[in-house]
Each structure stands twice: as C-alpha cells, then as structure tokens.
C-alpha atoms as a PDB file:
ATOM      1  CA  UNK A   1      16.239   3.097 -11.421  1.00  0.00           C
ATOM      2  CA  UNK A   2      13.119   1.273 -12.534  1.00  0.00           C
ATOM      3  CA  UNK A   3      10.060   0.063 -10.593  1.00  0.00           C
ATOM      4  CA  UNK A   4       7.467  -2.593 -11.387  1.00  0.00           C
ATOM      5  CA  UNK A   5       3.923  -1.686 -10.267  1.00  0.00           C
ATOM      6  CA  UNK A   6       1.182  -4.271  -9.702  1.00  0.00           C
ATOM      7  CA  UNK A   7      -2.234  -2.608 -10.114  1.00  0.00           C
ATOM      8  CA  UNK A   8      -5.579  -4.261  -9.407  1.00  0.00           C
ATOM      9  CA  UNK A   9      -7.876  -1.456 -10.561  1.00  0.00           C
ATOM     10  CA  UNK A  10      -7.076   1.322 -13.018  1.00  0.00           C
ATOM     11  CA  UNK A  11      -8.006   4.115 -10.576  1.00  0.00           C
ATOM     12  CA  UNK A  12      -5.823   2.630  -7.808  1.00  0.00           C
ATOM     13  CA  UNK A  13      -2.484   3.735  -9.168  1.00  0.00           C
ATOM     14  CA  UNK A  14       0.457   5.217  -7.239  1.00  0.00           C
ATOM     15  CA  UNK A  15      -1.115   8.682  -7.350  1.00  0.00           C
ATOM     16  CA  UNK A  16       1.054  11.455  -5.931  1.00  0.00           C
ATOM     17  CA  UNK A  17       3.959   9.017  -5.572  1.00  0.00           C
ATOM     18  CA  UNK A  18       4.345   9.115  -9.353  1.00  0.00           C
ATOM     19  CA  UNK A  19       5.184  12.823  -9.149  1.00  0.00           C
ATOM     20  CA  UNK A  20       7.911  12.179  -6.594  1.00  0.00           C
ATOM     21  CA  UNK A  21       9.331   9.275  -8.592  1.00  0.00           C
ATOM     22  CA  UNK A  22       9.380  11.282 -11.812  1.00  0.00           C
ATOM     23  CA  UNK A  23      11.228  14.118 -10.072  1.00  0.00           C
ATOM     24  CA  UNK A  24      13.752  11.570  -8.771  1.00  0.00           C
ATOM     25  CA  UNK A  25      14.361  10.149 -12.248  1.00  0.00           C
ATOM     26  CA  UNK A  26      12.571   6.863 -11.559  1.00  0.00           C
ATOM     27  CA  UNK A  27      10.818   5.075 -14.432  1.00  0.00           C
ATOM     28  CA  UNK A  28       8.288   2.283 -14.017  1.00  0.00           C
ATOM     29  CA  UNK A  29       6.127  -0.289 -15.732  1.00  0.00           C
ATOM     30  CA  UNK A  30       2.544  -0.802 -14.495  1.00  0.00           C
ATOM     31  CA  UNK A  31       0.901  -4.206 -14.901  1.00  0.00           C
ATOM     32  CA  UNK A  32      -2.919  -4.104 -14.685  1.00  0.00           C
ATOM     33  CA  UNK A  33      -3.466  -7.600 -13.321  1.00  0.00           C
ATOM     34  CA  UNK A  34      -7.258  -7.343 -13.129  1.00  0.00           C
ATOM     35  CA  UNK A  35      -7.374  -6.695 -16.867  1.00  0.00           C
ATOM     36  CA  UNK A  36      -5.364  -9.786 -17.712  1.00  0.00           C
ATOM     37  CA  UNK A  37      -1.975  -8.159 -18.254  1.00  0.00           C
ATOM     38  CA  UNK A  38       0.872 -10.590 -17.653  1.00  0.00           C
ATOM     39  CA  UNK A  39       3.649 -10.212 -15.104  1.00  0.00           C
ATOM     40  CA  UNK A  40       6.964  -9.872 -16.998  1.00  0.00           C
ATOM     41  CA  UNK A  41       8.852 -13.158 -17.169  1.00  0.00           C
ATOM     42  CA  UNK A  42      12.165 -11.460 -16.405  1.00  0.00           C
ATOM     43  CA  UNK A  43      12.244  -9.069 -13.446  1.00  0.00           C
ATOM     44  CA  UNK A  44      16.008  -8.544 -13.336  1.00  0.00           C
ATOM     45  CA  UNK A  45      15.786  -4.978 -14.665  1.00  0.00           C
ATOM     46  CA  UNK A  46      13.574  -3.773 -11.817  1.00  0.00           C
ATOM     47  CA  UNK A  47      14.941  -2.231  -8.626  1.00  0.00           C
ATOM     48  CA  UNK A  48      11.702  -2.257  -6.604  1.00  0.00           C
ATOM     49  CA  UNK A  49       8.287  -3.896  -6.670  1.00  0.00           C
ATOM     50  CA  UNK A  50       5.163  -1.932  -5.636  1.00  0.00           C
ATOM     51  CA  UNK A  51       1.694  -3.467  -5.170  1.00  0.00           C
ATOM     52  CA  UNK A  52      -1.311  -1.146  -4.992  1.00  0.00           C
ATOM     53  CA  UNK A  53      -4.880  -1.513  -3.688  1.00  0.00           C
ATOM     54  CA  UNK A  54      -7.957  -3.056  -5.268  1.00  0.00           C
ATOM     55  CA  UNK A  55     -11.538  -4.165  -4.568  1.00  0.00           C
ATOM     56  CA  UNK A  56     -10.770  -7.892  -4.453  1.00  0.00           C
ATOM     57  CA  UNK A  57      -9.597  -9.798  -1.366  1.00  0.00           C
ATOM     58  CA  UNK A  58      -6.417 -11.851  -1.066  1.00  0.00           C
ATOM     59  CA  UNK A  59      -8.371 -15.102  -0.635  1.00  0.00           C
ATOM     60  CA  UNK A  60     -10.481 -14.693  -3.801  1.00  0.00           C
ATOM     61  CA  UNK A  61      -8.225 -16.832  -5.957  1.00  0.00           C
ATOM     62  CA  UNK A  62     -11.111 -18.643  -7.666  1.00  0.00           C
ATOM     63  CA  UNK A  63     -12.531 -15.342  -8.919  1.00  0.00           C
ATOM     64  CA  UNK A  64      -9.095 -13.847  -9.629  1.00  0.00           C
ATOM     65  CA  UNK A  65      -6.652 -16.671 -10.476  1.00  0.00           C
ATOM     66  CA  UNK A  66      -3.807 -14.221 -11.103  1.00  0.00           C
ATOM     67  CA  UNK A  67      -3.623 -13.635  -7.332  1.00  0.00           C
ATOM     68  CA  UNK A  68      -1.723 -16.928  -6.980  1.00  0.00           C
ATOM     69  CA  UNK A  69       0.981 -15.847  -9.400  1.00  0.00           C
ATOM     70  CA  UNK A  70       1.170 -12.407  -7.830  1.00  0.00           C
ATOM     71  CA  UNK A  71       1.705 -13.834  -4.345  1.00  0.00           C
ATOM     72  CA  UNK A  72       4.374 -16.195  -5.670  1.00  0.00           C
ATOM     73  CA  UNK A  73       6.241 -13.319  -7.310  1.00  0.00           C
ATOM     74  CA  UNK A  74       6.004 -11.205  -4.142  1.00  0.00           C
ATOM     75  CA  UNK A  75       7.303 -14.109  -2.037  1.00  0.00           C
ATOM     76  CA  UNK A  76      10.265 -14.720  -4.333  1.00  0.00           C
ATOM     77  CA  UNK A  77      11.030 -11.011  -4.636  1.00  0.00           C
ATOM     78  CA  UNK A  78      10.957 -10.368  -0.896  1.00  0.00           C
ATOM     79  CA  UNK A  79      12.216 -13.604   0.662  1.00  0.00           C
ATOM     80  CA  UNK A  80      14.527 -15.111  -1.950  1.00  0.00           C
ATOM     81  CA  UNK A  81      15.881 -12.021  -3.680  1.00  0.00           C
ATOM     82  CA  UNK A  82      15.565  -9.662  -0.688  1.00  0.00           C
ATOM     83  CA  UNK A  83      14.718  -6.727  -2.959  1.00  0.00           C
ATOM     84  CA  UNK A  84      12.748  -3.595  -1.971  1.00  0.00           C
ATOM     85  CA  UNK A  85       8.967  -3.948  -1.832  1.00  0.00           C
ATOM     86  CA  UNK A  86       6.190  -1.476  -1.041  1.00  0.00           C
ATOM     87  CA  UNK A  87       2.581  -2.626  -0.588  1.00  0.00           C
ATOM     88  CA  UNK A  88      -0.405  -0.321  -0.084  1.00  0.00           C
ATOM     89  CA  UNK A  89      -3.833  -1.523   1.154  1.00  0.00           C
ATOM     90  CA  UNK A  90      -4.418  -4.751  -0.833  1.00  0.00           C
ATOM     91  CA  UNK A  91      -0.689  -4.756  -1.602  1.00  0.00           C
ATOM     92  CA  UNK A  92       0.017  -4.620   2.145  1.00  0.00           C
ATOM     93  CA  UNK A  93      -2.278  -7.604   2.692  1.00  0.00           C
ATOM     94  CA  UNK A  94      -0.759  -9.528  -0.227  1.00  0.00           C
ATOM     95  CA  UNK A  95       2.698  -9.042   1.264  1.00  0.00           C
ATOM     96  CA  UNK A  96       1.538 -10.396   4.620  1.00  0.00           C
ATOM     97  CA  UNK A  97      -0.114 -13.502   3.171  1.00  0.00           C
ATOM     98  CA  UNK A  98       2.657 -14.178   0.651  1.00  0.00           C
ATOM     99  CA  UNK A  99       5.319 -14.455   3.375  1.00  0.00           C
ATOM    100  CA  UNK A 100       3.425 -16.328   6.075  1.00  0.00           C
ATOM    101  CA  UNK A 101       0.837 -14.023   7.669  1.00  0.00           C
ATOM    102  CA  UNK A 102      -2.948 -14.203   7.536  1.00  0.00           C
ATOM    103  CA  UNK A 103      -5.589 -11.757   6.303  1.00  0.00           C
ATOM    104  CA  UNK A 104      -9.290 -11.733   7.232  1.00  0.00           C
ATOM    105  CA  UNK A 105     -12.415  -9.670   6.960  1.00  0.00           C
ATOM    106  CA  UNK A 106     -13.025  -6.885   9.461  1.00  0.00           C
ATOM    107  CA  UNK A 107     -16.227  -6.704  11.477  1.00  0.00           C
ATOM    108  CA  UNK A 108     -16.672  -3.094  10.318  1.00  0.00           C
ATOM    109  CA  UNK A 109     -14.827  -1.589   7.345  1.00  0.00           C
ATOM    110  CA  UNK A 110     -12.478   1.282   8.118  1.00  0.00           C
ATOM    111  CA  UNK A 111     -13.265   4.185   5.800  1.00  0.00           C
ATOM    112  CA  UNK A 112     -12.306   7.834   6.122  1.00  0.00           C
ATOM    113  CA  UNK A 113      -9.602   9.808   7.908  1.00  0.00           C
ATOM    114  CA  UNK A 114      -8.309   7.931  10.940  1.00  0.00           C
ATOM    115  CA  UNK A 115      -5.724   8.681  13.607  1.00  0.00           C
ATOM    116  CA  UNK A 116      -2.761   6.298  13.899  1.00  0.00           C
ATOM    117  CA  UNK A 117       0.251   5.985  16.147  1.00  0.00           C
ATOM    118  CA  UNK A 118       3.807   4.921  15.474  1.00  0.00           C
ATOM    119  CA  UNK A 119       5.053   1.966  17.497  1.00  0.00           C
ATOM    120  CA  UNK A 120       8.315   1.724  19.410  1.00  0.00           C
ATOM    121  CA  UNK A 121       9.768  -0.280  16.508  1.00  0.00           C
ATOM    122  CA  UNK A 122       9.122   2.674  14.186  1.00  0.00           C
ATOM    123  CA  UNK A 123      11.302   5.097  16.110  1.00  0.00           C
ATOM    124  CA  UNK A 124      14.474   3.952  14.352  1.00  0.00           C
ATOM    125  CA  UNK A 125      12.861   2.822  11.098  1.00  0.00           C
ATOM    126  CA  UNK A 126      14.244   4.303   7.887  1.00  0.00           C
ATOM    127  CA  UNK A 127      10.765   5.336   6.712  1.00  0.00           C
ATOM    128  CA  UNK A 128       8.399   5.603   9.657  1.00  0.00           C
ATOM    129  CA  UNK A 129      10.794   7.562  11.877  1.00  0.00           C
ATOM    130  CA  UNK A 130      10.171  10.485   9.507  1.00  0.00           C
ATOM    131  CA  UNK A 131       6.538  10.768  10.649  1.00  0.00           C
ATOM    132  CA  UNK A 132       5.220  12.217  13.934  1.00  0.00           C
ATOM    133  CA  UNK A 133       4.310   9.946  16.832  1.00  0.00           C
ATOM    134  CA  UNK A 134       0.615  10.348  15.965  1.00  0.00           C
ATOM    135  CA  UNK A 135      -0.724  11.161  12.515  1.00  0.00           C
ATOM    136  CA  UNK A 136      -3.862  10.996  10.391  1.00  0.00           C
ATOM    137  CA  UNK A 137      -4.190   8.690   7.404  1.00  0.00           C
ATOM    138  CA  UNK A 138      -6.789   7.860   4.782  1.00  0.00           C
ATOM    139  CA  UNK A 139      -8.505   4.481   5.019  1.00  0.00           C
ATOM    140  CA  UNK A 140     -10.802   2.515   2.719  1.00  0.00           C
ATOM    141  CA  UNK A 141     -10.652  -1.213   3.508  1.00  0.00           C
ATOM    142  CA  UNK A 142     -12.792  -4.077   4.787  1.00  0.00           C
ATOM    143  CA  UNK A 143     -10.036  -6.670   5.292  1.00  0.00           C
ATOM    144  CA  UNK A 144      -6.948  -6.517   7.471  1.00  0.00           C
ATOM    145  CA  UNK A 145      -3.762  -8.323   8.398  1.00  0.00           C
ATOM    146  CA  UNK A 146      -4.742 -10.469  11.366  1.00  0.00           C
ATOM    147  CA  UNK A 147      -1.527 -12.443  11.889  1.00  0.00           C
ATOM    148  CA  UNK A 148       1.881 -10.958  11.109  1.00  0.00           C
ATOM    149  CA  UNK A 149       4.390 -12.918   9.034  1.00  0.00           C
ATOM    150  CA  UNK A 150       7.171 -14.338  11.228  1.00  0.00           C
ATOM    151  CA  UNK A 151       9.978 -11.853  11.634  1.00  0.00           C
ATOM    152  CA  UNK A 152       7.795  -8.788  11.068  1.00  0.00           C
ATOM    153  CA  UNK A 153       7.435  -5.668  13.169  1.00  0.00           C
ATOM    154  CA  UNK A 154       4.380  -3.428  13.422  1.00  0.00           C
ATOM    155  CA  UNK A 155       5.320   0.179  12.653  1.00  0.00           C
ATOM    156  CA  UNK A 156       1.928   1.918  12.941  1.00  0.00           C
ATOM    157  CA  UNK A 157      -1.308   0.950  14.652  1.00  0.00           C
ATOM    158  CA  UNK A 158      -4.747   2.153  15.745  1.00  0.00           C
ATOM    159  CA  UNK A 159      -7.720   0.855  17.697  1.00  0.00           C
ATOM    160  CA  UNK A 160      -9.680  -0.281  14.635  1.00  0.00           C
ATOM    161  CA  UNK A 161      -7.053  -2.316  12.800  1.00  0.00           C
ATOM    162  CA  UNK A 162      -3.841  -2.980  14.748  1.00  0.00           C
ATOM    163  CA  UNK A 163      -1.525  -3.634  11.775  1.00  0.00           C
ATOM    164  CA  UNK A 164      -1.568  -0.294   9.959  1.00  0.00           C
ATOM    165  CA  UNK A 165       2.030  -0.597   8.773  1.00  0.00           C
ATOM    166  CA  UNK A 166       4.654  -3.295   9.114  1.00  0.00           C
ATOM    167  CA  UNK A 167       8.163  -4.134   7.988  1.00  0.00           C
ATOM    168  CA  UNK A 168       9.574  -7.549   7.164  1.00  0.00           C
ATOM    169  CA  UNK A 169      13.364  -7.732   7.167  1.00  0.00           C
ATOM    170  CA  UNK A 170      14.903  -4.476   6.044  1.00  0.00           C
ATOM    171  CA  UNK A 171      13.429  -4.144   2.527  1.00  0.00           C
ATOM    172  CA  UNK A 172       9.700  -5.012   2.589  1.00  0.00           C
ATOM    173  CA  UNK A 173       7.024  -2.596   3.798  1.00  0.00           C
ATOM    174  CA  UNK A 174       3.255  -2.810   3.952  1.00  0.00           C
ATOM    175  CA  UNK A 175       0.907   0.139   4.590  1.00  0.00           C
ATOM    176  CA  UNK A 176      -2.775  -0.493   5.198  1.00  0.00           C
ATOM    177  CA  UNK A 177      -3.670   3.173   4.882  1.00  0.00           C
ATOM    178  CA  UNK A 178      -3.441   5.112   1.627  1.00  0.00           C
ATOM    179  CA  UNK A 179      -0.524   7.491   1.201  1.00  0.00           C
ATOM    180  CA  UNK A 180      -0.950   8.158  -2.532  1.00  0.00           C
ATOM    181  CA  UNK A 181      -3.877  10.601  -2.408  1.00  0.00           C
ATOM    182  CA  UNK A 182      -4.501  13.238  -5.058  1.00  0.00           C
ATOM    183  CA  UNK A 183      -7.300  15.775  -5.427  1.00  0.00           C
ATOM    184  CA  UNK A 184      -9.369  13.276  -7.478  1.00  0.00           C
ATOM    185  CA  UNK A 185      -8.839  10.105  -5.432  1.00  0.00           C
ATOM    186  CA  UNK A 186     -12.093  10.128  -3.457  1.00  0.00           C
ATOM    187  CA  UNK A 187     -14.286  10.904  -6.467  1.00  0.00           C
ATOM    188  CA  UNK A 188     -12.493   8.333  -8.632  1.00  0.00           C
ATOM    189  CA  UNK A 189     -12.904   5.589  -6.049  1.00  0.00           C
ATOM    190  CA  UNK A 190     -16.501   6.491  -5.207  1.00  0.00           C
ATOM    191  CA  UNK A 191     -17.360   5.658  -8.829  1.00  0.00           C
ATOM    192  CA  UNK A 192     -16.439   2.016  -8.117  1.00  0.00           C
ATOM    193  CA  UNK A 193     -19.651   0.264  -6.924  1.00  0.00           C
ATOM    194  CA  UNK A 194     -17.942  -1.863  -4.256  1.00  0.00           C
ATOM    195  CA  UNK A 195     -16.136   1.161  -2.860  1.00  0.00           C
ATOM    196  CA  UNK A 196     -19.253   3.339  -2.861  1.00  0.00           C
ATOM    197  CA  UNK A 197     -21.122   0.632  -0.926  1.00  0.00           C
ATOM    198  CA  UNK A 198     -18.448   0.382   1.751  1.00  0.00           C
ATOM    199  CA  UNK A 199     -18.182   4.173   1.980  1.00  0.00           C
ATOM    200  CA  UNK A 200     -21.897   4.684   2.506  1.00  0.00           C
ATOM    201  CA  UNK A 201     -22.140   1.725   4.892  1.00  0.00           C
ATOM    202  CA  UNK A 202     -19.715   3.498   7.210  1.00  0.00           C
ATOM    203  CA  UNK A 203     -20.417   7.192   6.569  1.00  0.00           C
ATOM    204  CA  UNK A 204     -24.034   7.153   5.349  1.00  0.00           C
ATOM    205  CA  UNK A 205     -25.723   7.935   2.007  1.00  0.00           C
ATOM    206  CA  UNK A 206     -24.190  10.747  -0.012  1.00  0.00           C
ATOM    207  CA  UNK A 207     -20.933  10.535   1.913  1.00  0.00           C
ATOM    208  CA  UNK A 208     -18.646  11.206  -1.043  1.00  0.00           C
ATOM    209  CA  UNK A 209     -18.862  15.041  -1.054  1.00  0.00           C
ATOM    210  CA  UNK A 210     -18.256  15.166   2.697  1.00  0.00           C
ATOM    211  CA  UNK A 211     -15.263  12.873   2.442  1.00  0.00           C
ATOM    212  CA  UNK A 212     -13.877  14.854  -0.510  1.00  0.00           C
ATOM    213  CA  UNK A 213     -14.108  18.039   1.546  1.00  0.00           C
ATOM    214  CA  UNK A 214     -12.410  16.431   4.548  1.00  0.00           C
ATOM    215  CA  UNK A 215      -9.581  15.043   2.432  1.00  0.00           C
ATOM    216  CA  UNK A 216      -9.120  18.302   0.540  1.00  0.00           C
ATOM    217  CA  UNK A 217      -8.669  20.161   3.827  1.00  0.00           C
ATOM    218  CA  UNK A 218      -5.777  17.864   4.787  1.00  0.00           C
ATOM    219  CA  UNK A 219      -4.404  16.990   1.349  1.00  0.00           C
ATOM    220  CA  UNK A 220      -1.256  19.097   1.699  1.00  0.00           C
ATOM    221  CA  UNK A 221      -0.429  17.326   4.958  1.00  0.00           C
ATOM    222  CA  UNK A 222      -1.128  13.897   3.435  1.00  0.00           C
ATOM    223  CA  UNK A 223       1.049  14.697   0.433  1.00  0.00           C
ATOM    224  CA  UNK A 224       3.905  15.839   2.642  1.00  0.00           C
ATOM    225  CA  UNK A 225       3.725  12.559   4.582  1.00  0.00           C
ATOM    226  CA  UNK A 226       3.713  10.703   1.249  1.00  0.00           C
ATOM    227  CA  UNK A 227       6.855  12.625   0.243  1.00  0.00           C
ATOM    228  CA  UNK A 228       8.573  11.549   3.451  1.00  0.00           C
ATOM    229  CA  UNK A 229       7.598   7.931   2.812  1.00  0.00           C
ATOM    230  CA  UNK A 230       8.740   8.120  -0.806  1.00  0.00           C
ATOM    231  CA  UNK A 231      12.070   9.693   0.145  1.00  0.00           C
ATOM    232  CA  UNK A 232      12.717   6.951   2.690  1.00  0.00           C
ATOM    233  CA  UNK A 233      11.796   4.198   0.260  1.00  0.00           C
ATOM    234  CA  UNK A 234      13.957   5.671  -2.509  1.00  0.00           C
ATOM    235  CA  UNK A 235      16.924   5.827  -0.135  1.00  0.00           C
ATOM    236  CA  UNK A 236      16.355   2.165   0.682  1.00  0.00           C
ATOM    237  CA  UNK A 237      16.165   1.239  -3.020  1.00  0.00           C
ATOM    238  CA  UNK A 238      19.302   3.196  -3.899  1.00  0.00           C
ATOM    239  CA  UNK A 239      21.167   1.651  -0.984  1.00  0.00           C
ATOM    240  CA  UNK A 240      20.212  -1.828  -2.094  1.00  0.00           C
ATOM    241  CA  UNK A 241      21.264  -1.071  -5.674  1.00  0.00           C
ATOM    242  CA  UNK A 242      24.669   0.180  -4.513  1.00  0.00           C
ATOM    243  CA  UNK A 243      25.252  -2.976  -2.434  1.00  0.00           C
ATOM    244  CA  UNK A 244      24.347  -5.191  -5.398  1.00  0.00           C
ATOM    245  CA  UNK A 245      26.573  -3.213  -7.751  1.00  0.00           C
END
C-alpha cells in the first residue's frame, strides 16, 4: 500500500500518523507543493491521497498557482476515480472547494483545544463512530468550510465552526481539526510568523508555552484518537484495494 501526501509547509506533515502507517507497512511519497515540487504525472500506483494543512488559503491562487492543479487532482481522485482521500485543515478545505463547496474567512480564528460533538450521521460512520459523542480536538485555522459540497454529510461540529469533519461519498474525508499532533507540533508551528500571529491574536502574547503545556497534558488522548482515525482510514483503503483487485 502506498500513499501520496500533499504538503503545503514542511512542518505540517502527517505527524503521528506516519508512525501508524509505518507500523501498518504503508509507504508514501510527500510532495512539498509550496516549494515547487511537482505532482507526479502518473498516480496509478497510489492507494490513497492525503492533503495536509498550510498557512495559505484555498482562494489564494494568484499567490500560489499550484493550488489550481492541486484542486483539479483532488477532484479527479475523489469524484472520477472514487479513491480514498483524507484532508486535514487546509486539506479539508481544499476537498470541500474542489468538489463543489465553498470556503471563507472566519470572523475569529479558532486556535487551541476545542470541544466538538459527533453528529447523527457519524454514528454509523466507519471512522467517526470510533470516537466518543463529545471529544476535544486541536485547532489552528482562520478559514472554514461555509457551504458543504452536494452529497456531503457533517460528521463533527462545534459552535465556532460548524463543519469540523465531513464525508463525501464513502471514500473522501475532511477534518478541520488537527489529529496528527506530536510533542513538537505547537513549537514547530509557532515558529511560522503567520501562525504565531493568529495564535497570539486569540490567546494573547506569549501563548505558545501555555498551549504547549495544554497539548502535552492531553497528547496521549489525542494520539489515541488519531490511531482510531488512522485504523478506520486504513480499513477503508484496504477495502477499496480489494474491490479493485
């Protein structure tokens, strides 16, 4: 099994998910789009496509022309080929826009540990049914999905940003919150000027050490939730591969 990873910032990689994938025998290729790396011309060897977060917004195509190609690949992968897709934060928003939804700027960025709730649609979902009815997740975003793509279902929500997770069809998932946390995530991201600005705008000057402490206290719980998500996604990918074979 082999994954293709779209990255938009070197420090926004799949994090703890890489440990789970390695243990499961998954290999992957990461394409750093923001650094000018090209999307492979032939994607037939890949079993799943994963799009990570980044500091740019989905509408900033003039500043980041590669966004157009990325959205086109996501659309073809998800709609035409019906292959497994996982989007996190920016990747979640790219999925929504690529297949007919809309994304816009939030009035107030959502940064920090936030409580979310599963929806009724999540109760029988292959991935989200593994999580409790209410759970905490890590947020760091200033844009959100504002209109769902046709045929989508919201799987997790909260009062600040209603589309925290959604599914399109049976193979495409978007998660606004970050599931990939490691012990260095907060410090790594706080070194990015745009991220530091949004962090301190919400949590005040010098917020990084406080946020690191808060995340560290719940990291084991976050990592266990990430394992549940990864297990569900890998089952989906394997099931799709068996049907194709």
